[in-house]
PDB file of N, CA and C in Angstrom:
ATOM      1  N   MET A   1     -17.733  42.364 -24.327  1.00  0.00           N
ATOM      2  CA  MET A   1     -17.080  42.852 -23.133  1.00  0.00           C
ATOM      3  C   MET A   1     -17.631  42.170 -21.879  1.00  0.00           C
ATOM      4  N   ILE A   2     -18.948  41.971 -21.846  1.00  0.00           N
ATOM      5  CA  ILE A   2     -19.559  41.304 -20.699  1.00  0.00           C
ATOM      6  C   ILE A   2     -19.098  39.847 -20.638  1.00  0.00           C
ATOM      7  N   LEU A   3     -18.965  39.211 -21.791  1.00  0.00           N
ATOM      8  CA  LEU A   3     -18.511  37.823 -21.850  1.00  0.00           C
ATOM      9  C   LEU A   3     -17.086  37.705 -21.306  1.00  0.00           C
ATOM     10  N   LEU A   4     -16.229  38.647 -21.644  1.00  0.00           N
ATOM     11  CA  LEU A   4     -14.852  38.648 -21.147  1.00  0.00           C
ATOM     12  C   LEU A   4     -14.826  38.835 -19.631  1.00  0.00           C
ATOM     13  N   ARG A   5     -15.677  39.676 -19.110  1.00  0.00           N
ATOM     14  CA  ARG A   5     -15.746  39.912 -17.672  1.00  0.00           C
ATOM     15  C   ARG A   5     -16.224  38.655 -16.946  1.00  0.00           C
ATOM     16  N   LYS A   6     -17.218  37.951 -17.498  1.00  0.00           N
ATOM     17  CA  LYS A   6     -17.707  36.714 -16.895  1.00  0.00           C
ATOM     18  C   LYS A   6     -16.628  35.634 -16.934  1.00  0.00           C
ATOM     19  N   PHE A   7     -15.931  35.541 -18.059  1.00  0.00           N
ATOM     20  CA  PHE A   7     -14.865  34.551 -18.186  1.00  0.00           C
ATOM     21  C   PHE A   7     -13.752  34.821 -17.171  1.00  0.00           C
ATOM     22  N   SER A   8     -13.390  36.070 -16.982  1.00  0.00           N
ATOM     23  CA  SER A   8     -12.354  36.430 -16.010  1.00  0.00           C
ATOM     24  C   SER A   8     -12.782  36.065 -14.594  1.00  0.00           C
ATOM     25  N   PHE A   9     -14.028  36.297 -14.272  1.00  0.00           N
ATOM     26  CA  PHE A   9     -14.547  35.957 -12.946  1.00  0.00           C
ATOM     27  C   PHE A   9     -14.496  34.454 -12.711  1.00  0.00           C
ATOM     28  N   VAL A  10     -14.927  33.669 -13.691  1.00  0.00           N
ATOM     29  CA  VAL A  10     -14.927  32.211 -13.565  1.00  0.00           C
ATOM     30  C   VAL A  10     -13.497  31.703 -13.450  1.00  0.00           C
ATOM     31  N   LEU A  11     -12.589  32.253 -14.211  1.00  0.00           N
ATOM     32  CA  LEU A  11     -11.187  31.853 -14.160  1.00  0.00           C
ATOM     33  C   LEU A  11     -10.576  32.175 -12.795  1.00  0.00           C
ATOM     34  N   ALA A  12     -10.857  33.336 -12.256  1.00  0.00           N
ATOM     35  CA  ALA A  12     -10.355  33.717 -10.941  1.00  0.00           C
ATOM     36  C   ALA A  12     -10.935  32.813  -9.858  1.00  0.00           C
ATOM     37  N   LEU A  13     -12.195  32.479  -9.947  1.00  0.00           N
ATOM     38  CA  LEU A  13     -12.836  31.596  -8.987  1.00  0.00           C
ATOM     39  C   LEU A  13     -12.226  30.198  -9.031  1.00  0.00           C
ATOM     40  N   ALA A  14     -11.953  29.697 -10.220  1.00  0.00           N
ATOM     41  CA  ALA A  14     -11.332  28.377 -10.366  1.00  0.00           C
ATOM     42  C   ALA A  14      -9.918  28.377  -9.801  1.00  0.00           C
ATOM     43  N   LEU A  15      -9.190  29.448  -9.997  1.00  0.00           N
ATOM     44  CA  LEU A  15      -7.833  29.557  -9.472  1.00  0.00           C
ATOM     45  C   LEU A  15      -7.834  29.565  -7.948  1.00  0.00           C
ATOM     46  N   VAL A  16      -8.733  30.305  -7.358  1.00  0.00           N
ATOM     47  CA  VAL A  16      -8.842  30.350  -5.899  1.00  0.00           C
ATOM     48  C   VAL A  16      -9.213  28.973  -5.354  1.00  0.00           C
ATOM     49  N   ALA A  17     -10.114  28.275  -6.001  1.00  0.00           N
ATOM     50  CA  ALA A  17     -10.512  26.940  -5.562  1.00  0.00           C
ATOM     51  C   ALA A  17      -9.341  25.963  -5.663  1.00  0.00           C
ATOM     52  N   ALA A  18      -8.585  26.029  -6.735  1.00  0.00           N
ATOM     53  CA  ALA A  18      -7.446  25.125  -6.912  1.00  0.00           C
ATOM     54  C   ALA A  18      -6.375  25.368  -5.857  1.00  0.00           C
ATOM     55  N   VAL A  19      -6.086  26.603  -5.561  1.00  0.00           N
ATOM     56  CA  VAL A  19      -5.086  26.929  -4.540  1.00  0.00           C
ATOM     57  C   VAL A  19      -5.577  26.503  -3.167  1.00  0.00           C
ATOM     58  N   GLY A  20      -6.828  26.716  -2.888  1.00  0.00           N
ATOM     59  CA  GLY A  20      -7.395  26.349  -1.600  1.00  0.00           C
ATOM     60  C   GLY A  20      -7.392  24.846  -1.362  1.00  0.00           C
ATOM     61  N   LEU A  21      -7.690  24.078  -2.385  1.00  0.00           N
ATOM     62  CA  LEU A  21      -7.722  22.625  -2.233  1.00  0.00           C
ATOM     63  C   LEU A  21      -6.324  22.021  -2.152  1.00  0.00           C
ATOM     64  N   SER A  22      -5.368  22.599  -2.832  1.00  0.00           N
ATOM     65  CA  SER A  22      -4.019  22.042  -2.806  1.00  0.00           C
ATOM     66  C   SER A  22      -3.321  22.302  -1.480  1.00  0.00           C
ATOM     67  N   ALA A  23      -3.748  23.303  -0.757  1.00  0.00           N
ATOM     68  CA  ALA A  23      -3.127  23.628   0.525  1.00  0.00           C
ATOM     69  C   ALA A  23      -3.558  22.656   1.620  1.00  0.00           C
ATOM     70  N   CYS A  24      -4.546  21.838   1.382  1.00  0.00           N
ATOM     71  CA  CYS A  24      -5.066  20.934   2.401  1.00  0.00           C
ATOM     72  C   CYS A  24      -4.288  19.624   2.500  1.00  0.00           C
ATOM     73  N   SER A  25      -3.503  19.297   1.516  1.00  0.00           N
ATOM     74  CA  SER A  25      -2.784  18.028   1.516  1.00  0.00           C
ATOM     75  C   SER A  25      -1.497  18.140   2.324  1.00  0.00           C
ATOM     76  N   PRO A  26      -1.252  17.168   3.211  1.00  0.00           N
ATOM     77  CA  PRO A  26      -0.002  17.207   3.969  1.00  0.00           C
ATOM     78  C   PRO A  26       1.183  16.867   3.069  1.00  0.00           C
ATOM     79  N   GLU A  27       2.355  17.298   3.469  1.00  0.00           N
ATOM     80  CA  GLU A  27       3.565  17.060   2.694  1.00  0.00           C
ATOM     81  C   GLU A  27       3.886  15.564   2.692  1.00  0.00           C
ATOM     82  N   VAL A  28       4.296  15.054   1.532  1.00  0.00           N
ATOM     83  CA  VAL A  28       4.634  13.634   1.403  1.00  0.00           C
ATOM     84  C   VAL A  28       5.780  13.304   2.347  1.00  0.00           C
ATOM     85  N   GLY A  29       5.591  12.253   3.119  1.00  0.00           N
ATOM     86  CA  GLY A  29       6.607  11.814   4.064  1.00  0.00           C
ATOM     87  C   GLY A  29       6.411  12.344   5.469  1.00  0.00           C
ATOM     88  N   SER A  30       5.502  13.292   5.643  1.00  0.00           N
ATOM     89  CA  SER A  30       5.256  13.841   6.978  1.00  0.00           C
ATOM     90  C   SER A  30       4.437  12.849   7.802  1.00  0.00           C
ATOM     91  N   LYS A  31       4.419  13.056   9.103  1.00  0.00           N
ATOM     92  CA  LYS A  31       3.666  12.164   9.989  1.00  0.00           C
ATOM     93  C   LYS A  31       2.188  12.167   9.620  1.00  0.00           C
ATOM     94  N   GLU A  32       1.641  13.338   9.297  1.00  0.00           N
ATOM     95  CA  GLU A  32       0.234  13.447   8.912  1.00  0.00           C
ATOM     96  C   GLU A  32      -0.038  12.666   7.626  1.00  0.00           C
ATOM     97  N   TRP A  33       0.892  12.755   6.679  1.00  0.00           N
ATOM     98  CA  TRP A  33       0.733  12.053   5.408  1.00  0.00           C
ATOM     99  C   TRP A  33       0.729  10.547   5.644  1.00  0.00           C
ATOM    100  N   CYS A  34       1.637  10.068   6.487  1.00  0.00           N
ATOM    101  CA  CYS A  34       1.705   8.636   6.795  1.00  0.00           C
ATOM    102  C   CYS A  34       0.398   8.165   7.428  1.00  0.00           C
ATOM    103  N   GLU A  35      -0.134   8.941   8.370  1.00  0.00           N
ATOM    104  CA  GLU A  35      -1.393   8.566   9.027  1.00  0.00           C
ATOM    105  C   GLU A  35      -2.544   8.551   8.029  1.00  0.00           C
ATOM    106  N   GLU A  36      -2.573   9.518   7.126  1.00  0.00           N
ATOM    107  CA  GLU A  36      -3.632   9.597   6.120  1.00  0.00           C
ATOM    108  C   GLU A  36      -3.563   8.395   5.182  1.00  0.00           C
ATOM    109  N   LEU A  37      -2.350   7.990   4.809  1.00  0.00           N
ATOM    110  CA  LEU A  37      -2.192   6.863   3.901  1.00  0.00           C
ATOM    111  C   LEU A  37      -2.534   5.543   4.585  1.00  0.00           C
ATOM    112  N   LYS A  38      -2.268   5.445   5.890  1.00  0.00           N
ATOM    113  CA  LYS A  38      -2.619   4.224   6.626  1.00  0.00           C
ATOM    114  C   LYS A  38      -4.131   3.997   6.629  1.00  0.00           C
ATOM    115  N   LYS A  39      -4.900   5.075   6.602  1.00  0.00           N
ATOM    116  CA  LYS A  39      -6.363   4.981   6.599  1.00  0.00           C
ATOM    117  C   LYS A  39      -6.910   4.620   5.219  1.00  0.00           C
ATOM    118  N   LYS A  40      -6.136   4.894   4.184  1.00  0.00           N
ATOM    119  CA  LYS A  40      -6.547   4.649   2.809  1.00  0.00           C
ATOM    120  C   LYS A  40      -6.382   3.162   2.483  1.00  0.00           C
ATOM    121  N   ASP A  41      -7.322   2.591   1.720  1.00  0.00           N
ATOM    122  CA  ASP A  41      -7.244   1.199   1.309  1.00  0.00           C
ATOM    123  C   ASP A  41      -5.982   0.981   0.474  1.00  0.00           C
ATOM    124  N   LYS A  42      -5.205  -0.031   0.814  1.00  0.00           N
ATOM    125  CA  LYS A  42      -3.932  -0.273   0.135  1.00  0.00           C
ATOM    126  C   LYS A  42      -4.117  -0.583  -1.352  1.00  0.00           C
ATOM    127  N   GLY A  43      -5.269  -1.055  -1.734  1.00  0.00           N
ATOM    128  CA  GLY A  43      -5.549  -1.300  -3.142  1.00  0.00           C
ATOM    129  C   GLY A  43      -5.677  -0.020  -3.954  1.00  0.00           C
ATOM    130  N   GLN A  44      -5.866   1.103  -3.275  1.00  0.00           N
ATOM    131  CA  GLN A  44      -6.013   2.385  -3.957  1.00  0.00           C
ATOM    132  C   GLN A  44      -4.720   3.196  -3.970  1.00  0.00           C
ATOM    133  N   TRP A  45      -3.663   2.687  -3.359  1.00  0.00           N
ATOM    134  CA  TRP A  45      -2.383   3.383  -3.358  1.00  0.00           C
ATOM    135  C   TRP A  45      -1.776   3.353  -4.760  1.00  0.00           C
ATOM    136  N   THR A  46      -1.120   4.428  -5.130  1.00  0.00           N
ATOM    137  CA  THR A  46      -0.365   4.427  -6.375  1.00  0.00           C
ATOM    138  C   THR A  46       1.015   3.824  -6.088  1.00  0.00           C
ATOM    139  N   ALA A  47       1.740   3.513  -7.135  1.00  0.00           N
ATOM    140  CA  ALA A  47       3.086   2.960  -6.964  1.00  0.00           C
ATOM    141  C   ALA A  47       3.990   3.965  -6.249  1.00  0.00           C
ATOM    142  N   ASN A  48       3.844   5.239  -6.578  1.00  0.00           N
ATOM    143  CA  ASN A  48       4.661   6.274  -5.932  1.00  0.00           C
ATOM    144  C   ASN A  48       4.309   6.409  -4.454  1.00  0.00           C
ATOM    145  N   GLU A  49       3.027   6.317  -4.132  1.00  0.00           N
ATOM    146  CA  GLU A  49       2.626   6.393  -2.729  1.00  0.00           C
ATOM    147  C   GLU A  49       3.201   5.228  -1.934  1.00  0.00           C
ATOM    148  N   ALA A  50       3.165   4.028  -2.506  1.00  0.00           N
ATOM    149  CA  ALA A  50       3.704   2.855  -1.817  1.00  0.00           C
ATOM    150  C   ALA A  50       5.201   2.999  -1.594  1.00  0.00           C
ATOM    151  N   LYS A  51       5.901   3.490  -2.598  1.00  0.00           N
ATOM    152  CA  LYS A  51       7.349   3.683  -2.479  1.00  0.00           C
ATOM    153  C   LYS A  51       7.666   4.736  -1.432  1.00  0.00           C
ATOM    154  N   ASP A  52       6.959   5.853  -1.468  1.00  0.00           N
ATOM    155  CA  ASP A  52       7.192   6.927  -0.504  1.00  0.00           C
ATOM    156  C   ASP A  52       6.803   6.498   0.906  1.00  0.00           C
ATOM    157  N   PHE A  53       5.750   5.707   1.033  1.00  0.00           N
ATOM    158  CA  PHE A  53       5.334   5.210   2.347  1.00  0.00           C
ATOM    159  C   PHE A  53       6.414   4.312   2.933  1.00  0.00           C
ATOM    160  N   ALA A  54       6.929   3.399   2.119  1.00  0.00           N
ATOM    161  CA  ALA A  54       7.973   2.496   2.603  1.00  0.00           C
ATOM    162  C   ALA A  54       9.222   3.283   3.004  1.00  0.00           C
ATOM    163  N   LYS A  55       9.576   4.278   2.218  1.00  0.00           N
ATOM    164  CA  LYS A  55      10.790   5.058   2.490  1.00  0.00           C
ATOM    165  C   LYS A  55      10.617   5.984   3.696  1.00  0.00           C
ATOM    166  N   SER A  56       9.460   6.589   3.833  1.00  0.00           N
ATOM    167  CA  SER A  56       9.271   7.633   4.849  1.00  0.00           C
ATOM    168  C   SER A  56       8.629   7.143   6.134  1.00  0.00           C
ATOM    169  N   CYS A  57       7.775   6.153   6.055  1.00  0.00           N
ATOM    170  CA  CYS A  57       6.973   5.778   7.220  1.00  0.00           C
ATOM    171  C   CYS A  57       7.426   4.472   7.873  1.00  0.00           C
ATOM    172  N   ILE A  58       8.129   3.633   7.130  1.00  0.00           N
ATOM    173  CA  ILE A  58       8.536   2.352   7.684  1.00  0.00           C
ATOM    174  C   ILE A  58      10.009   2.391   8.107  1.00  0.00           C
ATOM    175  N   PHE A  59      10.867   2.887   7.234  1.00  0.00           N
ATOM    176  CA  PHE A  59      12.307   2.893   7.527  1.00  0.00           C
ATOM    177  C   PHE A  59      12.733   4.134   8.267  1.00  0.00           C
TER     178      PHE A  59
END
Protein backbone atom coordinates (compact mmCIF):
# COMPACT_ATOMS: atom_id res chain seq x y z
CA MET A 1 0.00 0.00 0.00
CA ILE A 2 2.84 2.39 0.82
CA LEU A 3 4.52 1.53 -2.50
CA LEU A 4 1.31 2.38 -4.38
CA ARG A 5 1.05 5.71 -2.56
CA LYS A 6 4.68 6.58 -3.43
CA PHE A 7 4.15 5.59 -7.06
CA SER A 8 1.02 7.78 -7.27
CA PHE A 9 2.91 10.74 -5.82
CA VAL A 10 5.79 10.35 -8.30
CA LEU A 11 3.35 9.98 -11.19
CA ALA A 12 1.44 13.11 -10.16
CA LEU A 13 4.69 15.06 -9.79
CA ALA A 14 5.85 13.98 -13.26
CA LEU A 15 2.51 14.99 -14.76
CA VAL A 16 2.66 18.44 -13.19
CA ALA A 17 6.23 18.91 -14.45
CA ALA A 18 5.29 17.85 -17.99
CA VAL A 19 2.33 20.23 -18.13
CA GLY A 20 4.38 23.07 -16.69
CA LEU A 21 7.20 22.66 -19.19
CA SER A 22 4.95 22.33 -22.22
CA ALA A 23 3.18 25.60 -21.41
CA CYS A 24 6.44 27.54 -21.84
CA SER A 25 6.82 26.97 -25.58
CA PRO A 26 5.38 29.62 -27.88
CA GLU A 27 2.92 28.56 -30.57
CA VAL A 28 4.54 27.55 -33.87
CA GLY A 29 4.37 30.43 -36.32
CA SER A 30 3.92 33.13 -33.68
CA LYS A 31 6.21 36.15 -33.52
CA GLU A 32 7.79 34.81 -30.32
CA TRP A 33 8.42 31.43 -31.96
CA CYS A 34 10.09 33.09 -34.96
CA GLU A 35 12.35 35.15 -32.68
CA GLU A 36 13.26 32.06 -30.64
CA LEU A 37 14.14 30.11 -33.78
CA LYS A 38 16.27 32.97 -35.14
CA LYS A 39 18.43 32.69 -32.01
CA LYS A 40 18.82 28.93 -32.44
CA ASP A 41 21.72 27.62 -34.56
CA LYS A 42 20.37 26.73 -38.01
CA GLY A 43 22.27 23.44 -37.90
CA GLN A 44 20.05 22.36 -35.01
CA TRP A 45 16.74 23.09 -36.76
CA THR A 46 14.58 20.13 -37.67
CA ALA A 47 13.12 19.83 -41.16
CA ASN A 48 9.68 20.73 -39.79
CA GLU A 49 11.04 23.80 -38.02
CA ALA A 50 12.72 25.00 -41.22
CA LYS A 51 9.53 24.49 -43.21
CA ASP A 52 7.37 26.23 -40.61
CA PHE A 53 9.89 29.08 -40.31
CA ALA A 54 9.87 29.66 -44.06
CA LYS A 55 6.07 29.54 -44.19
CA SER A 56 5.36 31.64 -41.09
CA CYS A 57 8.29 33.99 -40.62
CA ILE A 58 9.54 34.77 -44.12
CA PHE A 59 6.45 34.78 -46.36
